[in-house]
Protein backbone atom coordinates (compact mmCIF):
# COMPACT_ATOMS: atom_id res chain seq x y z
CA MET A 1 -38.27 16.75 48.98
CA ASN A 2 -38.13 20.50 48.55
CA PRO A 3 -36.09 21.52 45.51
CA GLN A 4 -32.83 23.43 45.80
CA GLU A 5 -33.41 26.94 44.50
CA THR A 6 -30.92 28.43 42.06
CA ASP A 7 -30.85 31.39 39.70
CA VAL A 8 -29.62 29.60 36.57
CA LEU A 9 -29.40 25.82 36.30
CA VAL A 10 -27.08 24.64 33.51
CA LEU A 11 -27.65 21.05 32.43
CA GLY A 12 -24.43 19.57 31.05
CA GLY A 13 -20.81 20.03 32.07
CA GLY A 14 -19.02 19.85 28.75
CA VAL A 15 -17.24 22.78 27.14
CA ILE A 16 -20.54 24.43 26.09
CA GLY A 17 -22.17 24.19 29.53
CA LEU A 18 -19.04 25.46 31.27
CA ALA A 19 -18.70 28.37 28.83
CA CYS A 20 -22.34 29.30 29.42
CA ALA A 21 -21.75 29.17 33.18
CA TYR A 22 -18.61 31.31 32.92
CA TYR A 23 -20.22 34.13 30.95
CA LEU A 24 -23.47 34.00 32.92
CA LEU A 25 -21.48 34.47 36.12
CA GLY A 26 -19.66 37.36 34.47
CA SER A 27 -22.99 39.01 33.71
CA GLY A 28 -24.01 38.91 37.37
CA ARG A 29 -26.11 35.73 37.45
CA SER A 30 -25.54 32.93 39.94
CA VAL A 31 -25.15 29.46 38.42
CA THR A 32 -25.47 25.83 39.41
CA LEU A 33 -24.24 23.34 36.81
CA ILE A 34 -24.90 19.59 36.91
CA ASP A 35 -23.44 16.76 34.87
CA GLN A 36 -24.25 13.04 34.84
CA GLY A 37 -20.55 12.12 34.91
CA GLN A 38 -17.31 14.03 35.13
CA LEU A 39 -16.96 17.56 33.79
CA GLY A 40 -15.83 17.44 30.18
CA GLY A 41 -16.18 13.67 30.07
CA GLY A 42 -18.04 13.53 26.73
CA SER A 43 -17.07 14.83 23.31
CA SER A 44 -15.22 17.73 24.96
CA HIS A 45 -12.55 15.30 26.14
CA GLY A 46 -10.95 13.37 23.29
CA ASN A 47 -11.31 15.60 20.24
CA CYS A 48 -8.28 16.94 18.42
CA GLY A 49 -8.41 20.37 20.02
CA THR A 50 -8.19 22.46 16.86
CA LEU A 51 -9.94 25.85 16.75
CA THR A 52 -10.98 26.12 13.15
CA PRO A 53 -12.66 29.01 11.36
CA SER A 54 -11.47 27.05 8.31
CA HIS A 55 -14.25 24.54 9.08
CA ALA A 56 -16.95 27.06 8.18
CA MET A 57 -18.31 24.77 5.46
CA PRO A 58 -21.13 22.42 6.51
CA LEU A 59 -21.00 18.66 6.26
CA ALA A 60 -24.00 18.79 3.91
CA MET A 61 -22.76 19.54 0.39
CA PRO A 62 -23.28 18.24 -3.14
CA GLY A 63 -21.92 14.73 -3.54
CA VAL A 64 -21.77 13.73 0.11
CA ILE A 65 -24.86 11.51 -0.07
CA GLY A 66 -23.37 9.55 -2.98
CA THR A 67 -20.13 9.16 -1.08
CA ALA A 68 -21.96 7.94 2.03
CA LEU A 69 -23.92 5.39 -0.04
CA LYS A 70 -20.72 4.15 -1.66
CA TRP A 71 -19.21 3.63 1.80
CA LEU A 72 -22.37 2.13 3.30
CA LEU A 73 -20.90 -1.34 3.87
CA ARG A 74 -17.42 -0.14 4.85
CA ALA A 75 -17.10 -0.28 8.63
CA ASP A 76 -13.92 1.84 8.49
CA ALA A 77 -15.17 4.54 6.08
CA PRO A 78 -14.41 8.16 7.08
CA LEU A 79 -18.18 8.86 6.90
CA ARG A 80 -20.36 5.90 7.81
CA ILE A 81 -24.13 5.71 8.22
CA LYS A 82 -25.04 2.42 9.84
CA PRO A 83 -28.18 1.02 8.15
CA SER A 84 -31.11 1.61 10.48
CA LEU A 85 -34.88 2.03 10.48
CA ASP A 86 -34.77 4.47 13.40
CA PRO A 87 -37.41 7.10 12.47
CA ASP A 88 -35.47 9.97 14.09
CA LEU A 89 -32.36 9.12 12.07
CA LEU A 90 -34.38 8.77 8.87
CA ARG A 91 -36.01 12.18 9.41
CA TRP A 92 -32.59 13.68 10.13
CA LEU A 93 -31.09 12.15 6.99
CA MET A 94 -33.94 13.47 4.83
CA ALA A 95 -33.43 16.98 6.22
CA PHE A 96 -29.68 16.63 5.70
CA ALA A 97 -30.12 15.42 2.11
CA ARG A 98 -32.31 18.42 1.26
CA ARG A 99 -29.41 20.69 2.20
CA CYS A 100 -26.83 18.98 -0.03
CA ASN A 101 -26.84 21.77 -2.59
CA TRP A 102 -24.54 24.72 -3.27
CA SER A 103 -27.10 27.35 -2.25
CA ASP A 104 -27.57 25.99 1.29
CA PHE A 105 -23.85 25.19 1.47
CA SER A 106 -22.96 28.83 0.76
CA SER A 107 -25.58 30.34 3.07
CA THR A 108 -24.54 28.10 5.99
CA SER A 109 -20.86 28.86 5.43
CA ALA A 110 -21.64 32.57 5.52
CA ILE A 111 -23.37 32.14 8.90
CA LYS A 112 -20.75 29.89 10.46
CA ALA A 113 -17.63 31.80 9.41
CA PRO A 114 -18.07 35.00 11.48
CA PHE A 115 -19.33 32.93 14.42
CA LEU A 116 -16.19 30.79 14.39
CA VAL A 117 -13.84 33.75 13.94
CA ARG A 118 -15.37 35.70 16.82
CA SER A 119 -15.49 32.67 19.11
CA CYS A 120 -11.80 31.97 18.47
CA GLU A 121 -11.02 35.58 19.39
CA LEU A 122 -12.98 35.18 22.62
CA ILE A 123 -11.17 31.94 23.47
CA ALA A 124 -7.80 33.63 23.01
CA GLU A 125 -8.94 36.46 25.31
CA LEU A 126 -10.30 33.95 27.84
CA VAL A 127 -7.08 31.92 27.91
CA GLU A 128 -5.03 35.07 28.49
CA ARG A 129 -7.38 36.62 31.05
CA GLU A 130 -7.66 33.48 33.16
CA ARG A 131 -4.05 32.39 32.54
CA MET A 132 -5.20 28.99 31.40
CA ASP A 133 -2.64 26.22 31.17
CA CYS A 134 -4.09 24.41 28.15
CA GLU A 135 -1.32 24.53 25.51
CA PHE A 136 -3.13 27.16 23.43
CA GLU A 137 -1.14 28.16 20.34
CA ARG A 138 -1.89 29.99 17.12
CA ARG A 139 -0.23 27.70 14.59
CA GLY A 140 -2.83 27.43 11.86
CA THR A 141 -3.76 24.08 10.35
CA LEU A 142 -2.40 22.30 7.29
CA TYR A 143 -4.40 20.14 4.87
CA ALA A 144 -2.37 17.52 2.99
CA TYR A 145 -3.38 15.50 -0.09
CA ARG A 146 -1.46 12.53 -1.49
CA ASP A 147 -3.79 11.99 -4.43
CA ALA A 148 -3.27 14.48 -7.26
CA GLU A 149 -6.78 14.00 -8.61
CA ALA A 150 -8.36 14.60 -5.20
CA PHE A 151 -6.30 17.77 -4.77
CA GLY A 152 -7.21 18.91 -8.28
CA ASN A 153 -10.90 18.44 -7.52
CA SER A 154 -10.71 20.48 -4.30
CA GLY A 155 -10.73 23.91 -5.90
CA TRP A 156 -14.16 24.59 -4.39
CA LEU A 157 -12.54 24.68 -0.93
CA PRO A 158 -10.42 27.84 -1.24
CA ARG A 159 -13.18 29.53 -3.22
CA ALA A 160 -15.72 28.76 -0.50
CA LEU A 161 -13.49 30.10 2.27
CA GLU A 162 -12.50 33.21 0.35
CA GLU A 163 -16.19 33.98 -0.24
CA VAL A 164 -16.77 34.13 3.53
CA GLY A 165 -13.57 36.03 4.35
CA ILE A 166 -11.45 33.18 5.73
CA ASP A 167 -7.77 33.30 4.73
CA ILE A 168 -6.33 30.22 3.05
CA GLU A 169 -3.04 29.56 1.25
CA ILE A 170 -2.82 27.16 -1.71
CA LEU A 171 0.36 25.06 -1.64
CA ASP A 172 1.95 22.61 -4.05
CA GLY A 173 3.33 19.32 -2.80
CA THR A 174 6.87 20.61 -2.30
CA GLN A 175 5.62 23.58 -0.28
CA VAL A 176 3.54 21.32 1.95
CA GLU A 177 6.49 19.02 2.61
CA GLN A 178 8.78 21.96 3.33
CA ARG A 179 6.26 23.42 5.76
CA GLU A 180 5.78 20.09 7.57
CA PRO A 181 8.83 17.76 7.65
CA ALA A 182 6.84 15.08 9.52
CA LEU A 183 5.04 14.25 6.25
CA ARG A 184 6.39 11.50 4.02
CA PRO A 185 7.37 12.37 0.42
CA GLY A 186 4.66 12.13 -2.21
CA ILE A 187 2.34 14.94 -1.16
CA ALA A 188 0.37 16.24 -4.16
CA GLY A 189 -0.64 19.57 -2.62
CA GLY A 190 -2.51 21.14 0.21
CA TYR A 191 -3.82 24.21 1.99
CA PHE A 192 -2.65 26.22 4.99
CA ASN A 193 -5.25 27.92 7.20
CA PRO A 194 -3.41 30.69 9.10
CA GLY A 195 -6.40 31.74 11.22
CA ASP A 196 -6.74 28.40 13.00
CA ALA A 197 -5.32 27.57 16.44
CA GLN A 198 -5.03 24.64 18.82
CA LEU A 199 -5.27 23.71 22.50
CA ARG A 200 -5.43 20.59 24.62
CA PRO A 201 -9.22 20.16 25.01
CA ASP A 202 -9.28 18.22 28.28
CA ARG A 203 -6.99 20.80 29.90
CA PHE A 204 -9.03 23.67 28.49
CA VAL A 205 -12.18 22.19 30.04
CA ALA A 206 -10.40 21.70 33.38
CA GLU A 207 -9.15 25.28 33.33
CA LEU A 208 -12.59 26.56 32.35
CA ALA A 209 -14.09 24.68 35.30
CA ARG A 210 -11.48 26.29 37.56
CA ALA A 211 -12.45 29.73 36.24
CA VAL A 212 -16.15 29.01 36.77
CA ARG A 213 -15.54 28.00 40.38
CA ALA A 214 -13.40 31.10 40.91
CA ARG A 215 -16.38 33.22 39.79
CA GLY A 216 -18.62 31.48 42.32
CA GLY A 217 -20.19 28.79 40.17
CA ASP A 218 -21.49 25.63 41.84
CA LEU A 219 -20.39 22.60 39.78
CA ARG A 220 -21.91 19.22 40.62
CA GLU A 221 -20.68 16.03 38.99
CA GLN A 222 -22.19 12.51 39.04
CA THR A 223 -25.67 14.07 39.04
CA ARG A 224 -27.92 12.39 36.50
CA ILE A 225 -31.24 13.88 35.42
CA GLU A 226 -34.14 11.58 36.25
CA SER A 227 -37.01 13.78 35.11
CA ILE A 228 -37.96 17.34 34.22
CA GLU A 229 -41.31 18.73 35.32
CA GLN A 230 -43.17 21.56 33.64
CA GLN A 231 -45.88 23.68 35.22
CA GLY A 232 -47.68 25.91 32.80
CA SER A 233 -45.10 27.64 30.60
CA ARG A 234 -42.15 27.08 32.93
CA ILE A 235 -39.84 24.25 33.96
CA SER A 236 -40.72 23.90 37.62
CA ARG A 237 -38.42 21.14 38.78
CA VAL A 238 -35.46 19.04 37.63
CA ARG A 239 -35.24 15.77 39.52
CA THR A 240 -31.77 14.21 39.74
CA THR A 241 -29.97 11.40 41.49
CA ASN A 242 -28.59 14.00 43.91
CA GLY A 243 -31.67 15.98 44.76
CA ASN A 244 -34.17 18.23 43.03
CA TYR A 245 -33.64 21.70 41.59
CA SER A 246 -35.78 24.65 40.60
CA ALA A 247 -34.40 27.66 38.76
CA ARG A 248 -35.35 31.01 37.35
CA ASP A 249 -33.73 29.90 34.06
CA VAL A 250 -32.60 26.52 32.75
CA VAL A 251 -29.91 26.05 30.08
CA PHE A 252 -29.85 22.86 28.00
CA ALA A 253 -26.16 22.24 27.21
CA LEU A 254 -26.49 18.48 26.99
CA GLY A 255 -24.67 17.83 23.74
CA ALA A 256 -25.74 14.62 22.02
CA TRP A 257 -28.01 13.76 24.96
CA ALA A 258 -30.16 16.86 24.46
CA PRO A 259 -32.84 15.22 22.25
CA ARG A 260 -33.41 12.38 24.72
CA VAL A 261 -33.89 14.72 27.67
CA ALA A 262 -35.93 17.21 25.63
CA ARG A 263 -38.56 14.57 24.88
CA GLN A 264 -39.71 14.87 28.49
CA LEU A 265 -40.85 18.38 27.58
CA GLY A 266 -42.50 17.30 24.33
CA LEU A 267 -39.64 18.73 22.24
CA ARG A 268 -38.17 17.04 19.17
CA LEU A 269 -34.64 18.33 18.72
CA PRO A 270 -33.20 17.34 15.30
CA ILE A 271 -29.88 16.20 16.73
CA GLN A 272 -28.16 12.91 15.96
CA PRO A 273 -25.06 11.53 17.73
CA GLY A 274 -22.16 11.57 15.26
CA LYS A 275 -19.53 9.26 16.69
CA GLY A 276 -15.90 10.27 16.48
CA TYR A 277 -12.79 8.41 17.54
CA SER A 278 -9.27 9.27 18.66
CA ILE A 279 -6.05 7.65 19.84
CA THR A 280 -3.74 9.58 22.16
CA TYR A 281 -0.04 8.74 22.36
CA SER A 282 3.21 9.97 23.77
CA ARG A 283 4.95 12.21 21.24
CA PRO A 284 6.55 10.33 18.33
CA ARG A 285 10.17 10.91 17.40
CA THR A 286 9.29 13.13 14.42
CA CYS A 287 6.27 15.13 15.51
CA PRO A 288 4.17 17.45 13.33
CA GLN A 289 4.82 21.13 13.93
CA VAL A 290 1.31 22.18 12.93
CA PRO A 291 -2.06 20.40 13.22
CA LEU A 292 -2.71 18.34 10.10
CA VAL A 293 -5.74 17.09 8.24
CA LEU A 294 -4.93 14.05 6.09
CA LYS A 295 -7.59 14.85 3.56
CA GLU A 296 -8.31 11.64 1.69
CA ALA A 297 -8.74 9.79 5.00
CA SER A 298 -10.33 12.73 6.87
CA VAL A 299 -7.98 12.17 9.79
CA CYS A 300 -6.76 14.98 12.06
CA VAL A 301 -3.31 14.92 13.68
CA THR A 302 -2.53 17.21 16.60
CA ALA A 303 0.64 17.40 18.68
CA TRP A 304 1.12 19.13 22.00
CA ASN A 305 4.10 19.26 24.33
CA SER A 306 2.21 16.77 26.49
CA GLY A 307 1.17 14.29 23.80
CA TYR A 308 -0.01 13.47 20.31
CA ARG A 309 -3.44 12.54 18.93
CA LEU A 310 -4.95 10.95 15.83
CA GLY A 311 -8.66 11.58 15.50
CA SER A 312 -11.81 12.29 13.55
CA THR A 313 -14.10 10.07 11.41
CA MET A 314 -17.89 10.37 11.50
CA GLU A 315 -20.18 7.45 12.25
CA PHE A 316 -23.95 7.68 12.53
CA ALA A 317 -24.78 4.55 14.54
CA GLY A 318 -27.10 5.88 17.22
CA TYR A 319 -25.91 5.74 20.82
CA ASP A 320 -23.68 2.73 20.18
CA SER A 321 -21.20 2.64 23.06
CA SER A 322 -18.75 0.13 21.58
CA LEU A 323 -15.18 1.08 20.69
CA ASN A 324 -15.05 0.07 17.03
CA ARG A 325 -11.60 -1.42 16.47
CA LYS A 326 -11.90 -1.11 12.68
CA ARG A 327 -12.33 2.63 12.93
CA LEU A 328 -9.39 3.00 15.29
CA ASP A 329 -7.25 0.94 12.92
CA ALA A 330 -8.30 3.25 10.07
CA LEU A 331 -6.75 6.17 11.97
CA ARG A 332 -3.49 4.24 12.29
CA ARG A 333 -3.42 3.24 8.61
CA ALA A 334 -3.96 6.81 7.45
CA ALA A 335 -1.18 8.10 9.71
CA THR A 336 1.17 5.37 8.42
CA GLU A 337 0.49 6.41 4.82
CA TYR A 338 1.21 10.08 5.44
CA LEU A 339 3.73 10.38 8.28
CA HIS A 340 7.33 9.32 8.92
CA ASP A 341 6.50 8.45 12.53
CA PRO A 342 2.76 7.81 12.63
CA GLU A 343 2.47 6.68 16.25
CA GLY A 344 4.09 7.42 19.58
CA ALA A 345 5.73 4.70 21.65
CA GLU A 346 2.99 4.73 24.31
CA VAL A 347 -0.75 4.51 23.66
CA ARG A 348 -2.33 6.60 26.43
CA GLU A 349 -5.99 6.47 25.47
CA GLU A 350 -8.34 5.05 22.86
CA TRP A 351 -11.55 7.06 22.85
CA TYR A 352 -14.89 7.70 21.22
CA GLY A 353 -17.41 10.49 21.72
CA TRP A 354 -20.79 11.51 20.32
CA ARG A 355 -20.94 14.88 18.61
CA PRO A 356 -24.38 16.56 18.56
CA MET A 357 -25.07 16.90 14.83
CA THR A 358 -27.88 19.01 13.35
CA PRO A 359 -28.93 18.53 9.69
CA ASP A 360 -27.88 22.07 8.75
CA ASP A 361 -24.62 21.96 10.77
CA LEU A 362 -25.59 25.00 12.86
CA PRO A 363 -26.04 24.94 16.64
CA ILE A 364 -29.37 25.44 18.36
CA ILE A 365 -29.16 28.46 20.65
CA GLY A 366 -31.99 30.37 22.24
CA SER A 367 -35.47 30.22 23.69
CA VAL A 368 -38.15 27.59 23.13
CA PRO A 369 -41.75 28.47 22.22
CA GLY A 370 -44.05 27.69 25.12
CA ILE A 371 -41.35 27.30 27.79
CA ASP A 372 -40.46 30.69 29.18
CA ASN A 373 -37.44 29.75 31.29
CA LEU A 374 -35.60 27.37 28.94
CA CYS A 375 -32.60 28.30 26.79
CA LEU A 376 -31.09 25.78 24.38
CA ALA A 377 -27.35 25.56 23.75
CA SER A 378 -26.66 22.36 21.84
CA GLY A 379 -26.09 20.92 18.38
CA HIS A 380 -22.56 22.26 17.87
CA GLY A 381 -21.49 19.27 15.79
CA MET A 382 -17.75 18.85 15.37
CA LEU A 383 -17.01 22.41 16.48
CA GLY A 384 -18.10 22.55 20.12
CA VAL A 385 -14.74 23.72 21.44
CA THR A 386 -14.37 26.34 18.71
CA MET A 387 -17.91 27.64 19.20
CA SER A 388 -17.93 27.44 22.98
CA ALA A 389 -16.98 30.99 23.96
CA LEU A 390 -19.40 32.84 21.69
CA THR A 391 -22.17 30.42 22.64
CA GLY A 392 -21.54 31.28 26.29
CA VAL A 393 -21.66 34.99 25.53
CA LEU A 394 -24.90 34.66 23.57
CA VAL A 395 -26.61 32.64 26.29
CA SER A 396 -25.60 35.23 28.90
CA GLU A 397 -27.01 37.98 26.68
CA LEU A 398 -30.24 36.12 25.93
CA LEU A 399 -30.81 35.54 29.64
CA GLY A 400 -29.94 39.18 30.34
CA ASP A 401 -31.65 42.00 28.51
CA GLY A 402 -32.00 39.92 25.33
CA ALA A 403 -29.80 42.18 23.18
CA THR A 404 -27.21 39.93 21.50
CA SER A 405 -23.86 40.78 19.96
CA ILE A 406 -24.79 38.88 16.78
CA ASP A 407 -28.13 37.96 15.23
CA THR A 408 -29.23 34.65 16.77
CA THR A 409 -32.12 34.03 14.36
CA PRO A 410 -30.16 31.44 12.29
CA PHE A 411 -29.61 29.40 15.45
CA SER A 412 -33.18 29.37 16.73
CA ILE A 413 -35.06 26.09 17.14
CA ARG A 414 -37.87 27.81 15.21
CA ARG A 415 -35.95 27.31 11.94
CA PHE A 416 -36.96 23.64 11.95
CA GLY A 417 -40.67 24.46 11.98
């Protein structure tokens, strides 16, 4: 069968792939995008929808390995690493452990912060330009602590954000409770992040797909990759369940699936699936006015006019497709401890998704040595929605004249050797 010819073939229809398609079309390229399921059906769907420059700090930091070991046998721990002899996971964990120091923590934060700030600006411009109906609001986010010792030990957090130019307000318990009446009494303290925002992620993805189609993009769902063929230094053909494709350029925006597909090209991408969970409800009677992070439990709470969501947790358990009831129950328990009305009357969805985690908590964006027409756009961890717009811009620039609006060296696959 002769392949279908296209200018740019984007593999993956989550928020990153759609953002790449949108900005590529804006730069004058023509785009075909394929996804194995529905657009935005992976980790773009059920996350908490916060846009967070305040999350500039990487997961790898001093003390996190000890915490993970302490929680090793707790199935409901906020951070859980399921015991495994998988060599890819072990290599990833060793690389992650090497970065659990203040020097790497600071250097990564300094790279992530301006990326997140600029991408949030681009998302705000995109929502306004395309008149997206996705419940975008600039409300900030609020961190709440119930444990006085935990709050007292968190002084590194405002210092780290201030060092990279991210605004943060330190609040005592009374100030936190006054700012958010949905919280139960007994808050020890917290932080307000005024530069953060929120949107409904599934609606944002749907609106982004609409904008891509309006620009002439060809979006094809239920199209699973069967194989990728390379001829010389170029990808020559992508075989799928709905026909074959050849393209001038190919963009890998496959999220947590990227390392599995990349193996066909002899590439080892240091990405592990970090499983997150959420529960979506109708709005409770007393609903938070601002997105919350319940810090001791690492649970995020987001409310929109259309609903209410508890989410987060991080589980490294490979591509386990089960819905772990213990981890869902942990979300409910945390909300009950912190909130007057922890749950809405109607449970609308219980969900999990795999986030594409790199050991240094930076995405992989750019070209691949030895494959001239491949551009990577994966490994965005827990911040795919927040990083989506700038990633799309950078991919469009890299596949244009190559001059990028920020230095992409820190995001190159070459950093892993």
